[in-house]
Amino acid sequence: MFTIEHEFDATVVTIVDEGEAPLQDDVIISAFAECVTVEQHDTRTDRTHKITFSLQQLRDLGAALDLPEGAYRLTAPDD
């Protein structure tokens, strides 16, 4: 299950783990104009971990999901 909320400065997607136990804590993805953050609370340490992706890193991650092993550099179509 997931939710989508449009806030003033970001679009926030929350992904809820509904599978079989053990379940993971919710993952919160916030998309801003200049970056995307991914957060997840760790109940074992009672800390929230946050990762910030630049838009370039997010584009590379999206491309990497569909590619085989290797090293890649994405370029604009004009390059």
C-alpha atoms as a PDB file:
ATOM      1  CA  MET A   1       0.000   0.000   0.000  1.00  0.00           C
ATOM      2  CA  PHE A   2       1.158   3.553  -0.580  1.00  0.00           C
ATOM      3  CA  THR A   3      -0.115   7.088  -0.208  1.00  0.00           C
ATOM      4  CA  ILE A   4       0.626  10.233  -2.218  1.00  0.00           C
ATOM      5  CA  GLU A   5       0.351  13.716  -0.740  1.00  0.00           C
ATOM      6  CA  HIS A   6       1.070  17.015  -2.470  1.00  0.00           C
ATOM      7  CA  GLU A   7       2.506  19.476   0.030  1.00  0.00           C
ATOM      8  CA  PHE A   8       3.591  23.079  -0.458  1.00  0.00           C
ATOM      9  CA  ASP A   9       7.176  22.305  -1.483  1.00  0.00           C
ATOM     10  CA  ALA A  10       7.186  18.551  -2.158  1.00  0.00           C
ATOM     11  CA  THR A  11       5.282  15.505  -3.270  1.00  0.00           C
ATOM     12  CA  VAL A  12       5.431  12.871  -0.532  1.00  0.00           C
ATOM     13  CA  VAL A  13       4.959   9.156  -1.200  1.00  0.00           C
ATOM     14  CA  THR A  14       4.716   6.814   1.791  1.00  0.00           C
ATOM     15  CA  ILE A  15       5.149   3.094   1.156  1.00  0.00           C
ATOM     16  CA  VAL A  16       3.696   0.754   3.784  1.00  0.00           C
ATOM     17  CA  ASP A  17       4.975  -2.832   4.067  1.00  0.00           C
ATOM     18  CA  GLU A  18       1.919  -5.102   4.096  1.00  0.00           C
ATOM     19  CA  GLY A  19       3.573  -8.445   3.439  1.00  0.00           C
ATOM     20  CA  GLU A  20       4.132 -11.277   5.848  1.00  0.00           C
ATOM     21  CA  ALA A  21       6.032 -10.689   9.084  1.00  0.00           C
ATOM     22  CA  PRO A  22       8.634  -9.498   9.745  1.00  0.00           C
ATOM     23  CA  LEU A  23       7.480  -6.175   8.299  1.00  0.00           C
ATOM     24  CA  GLN A  24       9.708  -3.180   7.613  1.00  0.00           C
ATOM     25  CA  ASP A  25       8.889   0.353   8.749  1.00  0.00           C
ATOM     26  CA  ASP A  26       7.282   2.773   6.298  1.00  0.00           C
ATOM     27  CA  VAL A  27       9.482   4.325   3.616  1.00  0.00           C
ATOM     28  CA  ILE A  28       8.835   8.026   2.983  1.00  0.00           C
ATOM     29  CA  ILE A  29       9.956   9.516  -0.323  1.00  0.00           C
ATOM     30  CA  SER A  30       9.820  13.299  -0.665  1.00  0.00           C
ATOM     31  CA  ALA A  31      10.332  14.824  -4.122  1.00  0.00           C
ATOM     32  CA  PHE A  32      11.450  18.454  -4.102  1.00  0.00           C
ATOM     33  CA  ALA A  33      12.388  20.663  -7.069  1.00  0.00           C
ATOM     34  CA  GLU A  34      16.128  20.137  -6.457  1.00  0.00           C
ATOM     35  CA  CYS A  35      16.394  16.696  -4.797  1.00  0.00           C
ATOM     36  CA  VAL A  36      14.582  13.588  -3.563  1.00  0.00           C
ATOM     37  CA  THR A  37      14.866  12.258  -0.015  1.00  0.00           C
ATOM     38  CA  VAL A  38      14.179   8.721   1.204  1.00  0.00           C
ATOM     39  CA  GLU A  39      13.542   8.183   4.931  1.00  0.00           C
ATOM     40  CA  GLN A  40      12.887   5.128   7.074  1.00  0.00           C
ATOM     41  CA  HIS A  41      12.612   4.870  10.839  1.00  0.00           C
ATOM     42  CA  ASP A  42      14.625   2.076  12.486  1.00  0.00           C
ATOM     43  CA  THR A  43      12.727   0.859  15.547  1.00  0.00           C
ATOM     44  CA  ARG A  44      15.754  -1.086  16.777  1.00  0.00           C
ATOM     45  CA  THR A  45      17.813   2.100  17.206  1.00  0.00           C
ATOM     46  CA  ASP A  46      14.879   4.561  17.424  1.00  0.00           C
ATOM     47  CA  ARG A  47      16.535   6.651  14.672  1.00  0.00           C
ATOM     48  CA  THR A  48      15.285   7.818  11.301  1.00  0.00           C
ATOM     49  CA  HIS A  49      17.722   7.366   8.432  1.00  0.00           C
ATOM     50  CA  LYS A  50      17.581   9.800   5.518  1.00  0.00           C
ATOM     51  CA  ILE A  51      19.251   9.578   2.110  1.00  0.00           C
ATOM     52  CA  THR A  52      19.231  12.547  -0.277  1.00  0.00           C
ATOM     53  CA  PHE A  53      19.504  12.006  -4.037  1.00  0.00           C
ATOM     54  CA  SER A  54      20.283  14.759  -6.515  1.00  0.00           C
ATOM     55  CA  LEU A  55      18.051  14.668  -9.579  1.00  0.00           C
ATOM     56  CA  GLN A  56      21.022  13.303 -11.592  1.00  0.00           C
ATOM     57  CA  GLN A  57      21.518  10.473  -9.089  1.00  0.00           C
ATOM     58  CA  LEU A  58      17.815   9.647  -9.207  1.00  0.00           C
ATOM     59  CA  ARG A  59      17.902   9.538 -13.013  1.00  0.00           C
ATOM     60  CA  ASP A  60      20.918   7.214 -12.860  1.00  0.00           C
ATOM     61  CA  LEU A  61      19.176   4.960 -10.342  1.00  0.00           C
ATOM     62  CA  GLY A  62      16.119   4.712 -12.564  1.00  0.00           C
ATOM     63  CA  ALA A  63      18.277   3.753 -15.538  1.00  0.00           C
ATOM     64  CA  ALA A  64      20.299   1.251 -13.480  1.00  0.00           C
ATOM     65  CA  LEU A  65      17.193  -0.744 -12.602  1.00  0.00           C
ATOM     66  CA  ASP A  66      16.878  -1.813 -16.250  1.00  0.00           C
ATOM     67  CA  LEU A  67      20.554  -2.486 -17.084  1.00  0.00           C
ATOM     68  CA  PRO A  68      22.830  -5.521 -16.641  1.00  0.00           C
ATOM     69  CA  GLU A  69      26.025  -5.452 -14.549  1.00  0.00           C
ATOM     70  CA  GLY A  70      28.625  -2.907 -15.621  1.00  0.00           C
ATOM     71  CA  ALA A  71      29.714   0.726 -15.327  1.00  0.00           C
ATOM     72  CA  TYR A  72      27.678   3.332 -17.168  1.00  0.00           C
ATOM     73  CA  ARG A  73      27.508   7.084 -17.725  1.00  0.00           C
ATOM     74  CA  LEU A  74      24.284   8.548 -19.042  1.00  0.00           C
ATOM     75  CA  THR A  75      24.642  11.374 -21.544  1.00  0.00           C
ATOM     76  CA  ALA A  76      22.172  13.702 -23.194  1.00  0.00           C
ATOM     77  CA  PRO A  77      20.975  12.625 -26.669  1.00  0.00           C
ATOM     78  CA  ASP A  78      23.086  15.410 -28.258  1.00  0.00           C
ATOM     79  CA  ASP A  79      26.362  14.060 -26.762  1.00  0.00           C
END
